[in-house]
Amino acid sequence: MISHDGIDICFMDLSGALERLSPRKKEAIYYNVICDMKQKDVAKIMGITTVSVGQYVESGFAQVAKEYFSDQIQTPKKKRKSVD
């Protein structure tokens, strides 16, 4: 169970969203988050770089967060370059 700002989340609650992830994102999340393996070990198993492991995990959780919490997440506004 994860608790933050009055929100309690269990991995079982997220199983539907996790199932909709790509196989590689699921694999990276499984090893890195659920099995608590280091990114270098996950990278070796998956045959990818440690950077890619981090990208899969971050992208996967962003997808899950968007699905479950889209009404609570505010997207940061992009800064515009000023033309002077």
C-alpha atoms as a PDB file:
ATOM      1  CA  MET A   1       0.000   0.000   0.000  1.00  0.00           C
ATOM      2  CA  ILE A   2       1.258   3.469  -0.907  1.00  0.00           C
ATOM      3  CA  SER A   3      -0.215   6.492   0.883  1.00  0.00           C
ATOM      4  CA  HIS A   4       0.304  10.113  -0.117  1.00  0.00           C
ATOM      5  CA  ASP A   5      -1.763  13.255   0.410  1.00  0.00           C
ATOM      6  CA  GLY A   6      -4.760  11.293   1.641  1.00  0.00           C
ATOM      7  CA  ILE A   7      -4.689   8.861  -1.289  1.00  0.00           C
ATOM      8  CA  ASP A   8      -4.131   5.161  -0.597  1.00  0.00           C
ATOM      9  CA  ILE A   9      -3.040   3.008  -3.517  1.00  0.00           C
ATOM     10  CA  CYS A  10      -2.479  -0.724  -3.615  1.00  0.00           C
ATOM     11  CA  PHE A  11      -0.764  -2.403  -6.569  1.00  0.00           C
ATOM     12  CA  MET A  12      -3.849  -4.619  -6.873  1.00  0.00           C
ATOM     13  CA  ASP A  13      -5.928  -1.463  -7.440  1.00  0.00           C
ATOM     14  CA  LEU A  14      -3.688  -0.634 -10.382  1.00  0.00           C
ATOM     15  CA  SER A  15      -3.677  -4.083 -11.977  1.00  0.00           C
ATOM     16  CA  GLY A  16      -6.037  -3.073 -14.780  1.00  0.00           C
ATOM     17  CA  ALA A  17      -3.912  -0.101 -15.791  1.00  0.00           C
ATOM     18  CA  LEU A  18      -0.713  -2.109 -15.473  1.00  0.00           C
ATOM     19  CA  GLU A  19      -2.151  -4.756 -17.807  1.00  0.00           C
ATOM     20  CA  ARG A  20      -2.668  -2.093 -20.488  1.00  0.00           C
ATOM     21  CA  LEU A  21       1.032  -1.179 -20.549  1.00  0.00           C
ATOM     22  CA  SER A  22       3.347  -2.457 -23.249  1.00  0.00           C
ATOM     23  CA  PRO A  23       5.131  -5.713 -22.397  1.00  0.00           C
ATOM     24  CA  ARG A  24       8.487  -3.913 -22.008  1.00  0.00           C
ATOM     25  CA  LYS A  25       7.072  -1.304 -19.612  1.00  0.00           C
ATOM     26  CA  LYS A  26       5.445  -4.064 -17.545  1.00  0.00           C
ATOM     27  CA  GLU A  27       8.682  -6.017 -17.463  1.00  0.00           C
ATOM     28  CA  ALA A  28      10.748  -3.005 -16.368  1.00  0.00           C
ATOM     29  CA  ILE A  29       8.220  -2.073 -13.660  1.00  0.00           C
ATOM     30  CA  TYR A  30       8.016  -5.663 -12.457  1.00  0.00           C
ATOM     31  CA  TYR A  31      11.753  -6.075 -11.993  1.00  0.00           C
ATOM     32  CA  ASN A  32      12.668  -2.530 -10.923  1.00  0.00           C
ATOM     33  CA  VAL A  33       9.699  -1.633  -8.722  1.00  0.00           C
ATOM     34  CA  ILE A  34       7.960  -4.797  -7.600  1.00  0.00           C
ATOM     35  CA  CYS A  35      11.086  -6.979  -7.267  1.00  0.00           C
ATOM     36  CA  ASP A  36      13.136  -3.940  -6.128  1.00  0.00           C
ATOM     37  CA  MET A  37      16.013  -4.778  -8.457  1.00  0.00           C
ATOM     38  CA  LYS A  38      18.655  -2.214  -9.399  1.00  0.00           C
ATOM     39  CA  GLN A  39      18.349  -0.675 -12.846  1.00  0.00           C
ATOM     40  CA  LYS A  40      21.709  -2.134 -13.917  1.00  0.00           C
ATOM     41  CA  ASP A  41      20.459  -5.652 -13.101  1.00  0.00           C
ATOM     42  CA  VAL A  42      17.143  -5.057 -14.877  1.00  0.00           C
ATOM     43  CA  ALA A  43      18.998  -3.689 -17.890  1.00  0.00           C
ATOM     44  CA  LYS A  44      21.112  -6.843 -18.085  1.00  0.00           C
ATOM     45  CA  ILE A  45      18.035  -9.103 -17.926  1.00  0.00           C
ATOM     46  CA  MET A  46      16.148  -7.055 -20.526  1.00  0.00           C
ATOM     47  CA  GLY A  47      19.156  -6.481 -22.795  1.00  0.00           C
ATOM     48  CA  ILE A  48      18.812  -2.681 -22.685  1.00  0.00           C
ATOM     49  CA  THR A  49      20.583   0.268 -21.066  1.00  0.00           C
ATOM     50  CA  THR A  50      19.919   1.511 -17.543  1.00  0.00           C
ATOM     51  CA  VAL A  51      18.603   4.739 -19.061  1.00  0.00           C
ATOM     52  CA  SER A  52      16.029   2.745 -21.019  1.00  0.00           C
ATOM     53  CA  VAL A  53      14.928   0.939 -17.843  1.00  0.00           C
ATOM     54  CA  GLY A  54      14.296   4.306 -16.186  1.00  0.00           C
ATOM     55  CA  GLN A  55      12.431   5.567 -19.233  1.00  0.00           C
ATOM     56  CA  TYR A  56      10.190   2.491 -19.362  1.00  0.00           C
ATOM     57  CA  VAL A  57       9.372   2.762 -15.647  1.00  0.00           C
ATOM     58  CA  GLU A  58       8.747   6.515 -15.771  1.00  0.00           C
ATOM     59  CA  SER A  59       6.657   6.299 -18.923  1.00  0.00           C
ATOM     60  CA  GLY A  60       4.665   3.357 -17.564  1.00  0.00           C
ATOM     61  CA  PHE A  61       3.818   5.105 -14.324  1.00  0.00           C
ATOM     62  CA  ALA A  62       2.978   8.317 -16.171  1.00  0.00           C
ATOM     63  CA  GLN A  63       0.509   6.304 -18.270  1.00  0.00           C
ATOM     64  CA  VAL A  64      -1.020   4.750 -15.140  1.00  0.00           C
ATOM     65  CA  ALA A  65      -1.220   8.126 -13.385  1.00  0.00           C
ATOM     66  CA  LYS A  66      -2.891   9.703 -16.398  1.00  0.00           C
ATOM     67  CA  GLU A  67      -5.504   6.953 -16.449  1.00  0.00           C
ATOM     68  CA  TYR A  68      -6.295   7.013 -12.737  1.00  0.00           C
ATOM     69  CA  PHE A  69      -5.595  10.579 -11.705  1.00  0.00           C
ATOM     70  CA  SER A  70      -6.069  12.709 -14.838  1.00  0.00           C
ATOM     71  CA  ASP A  71      -8.555  14.947 -13.026  1.00  0.00           C
ATOM     72  CA  GLN A  72      -6.030  15.594 -10.217  1.00  0.00           C
ATOM     73  CA  ILE A  73      -2.840  16.046 -12.248  1.00  0.00           C
ATOM     74  CA  GLN A  74      -1.969  19.454 -13.573  1.00  0.00           C
ATOM     75  CA  THR A  75       0.278  19.527 -16.592  1.00  0.00           C
ATOM     76  CA  PRO A  76       3.066  22.068 -16.214  1.00  0.00           C
ATOM     77  CA  LYS A  77       2.838  24.947 -18.644  1.00  0.00           C
ATOM     78  CA  LYS A  78       5.638  25.138 -21.160  1.00  0.00           C
ATOM     79  CA  LYS A  79       7.777  28.229 -21.063  1.00  0.00           C
ATOM     80  CA  ARG A  80       7.788  30.251 -24.225  1.00  0.00           C
ATOM     81  CA  LYS A  81      10.934  31.779 -25.558  1.00  0.00           C
ATOM     82  CA  SER A  82      10.652  35.500 -25.808  1.00  0.00           C
ATOM     83  CA  VAL A  83      11.644  37.010 -29.087  1.00  0.00           C
ATOM     84  CA  ASP A  84      13.384  40.321 -28.458  1.00  0.00           C
END
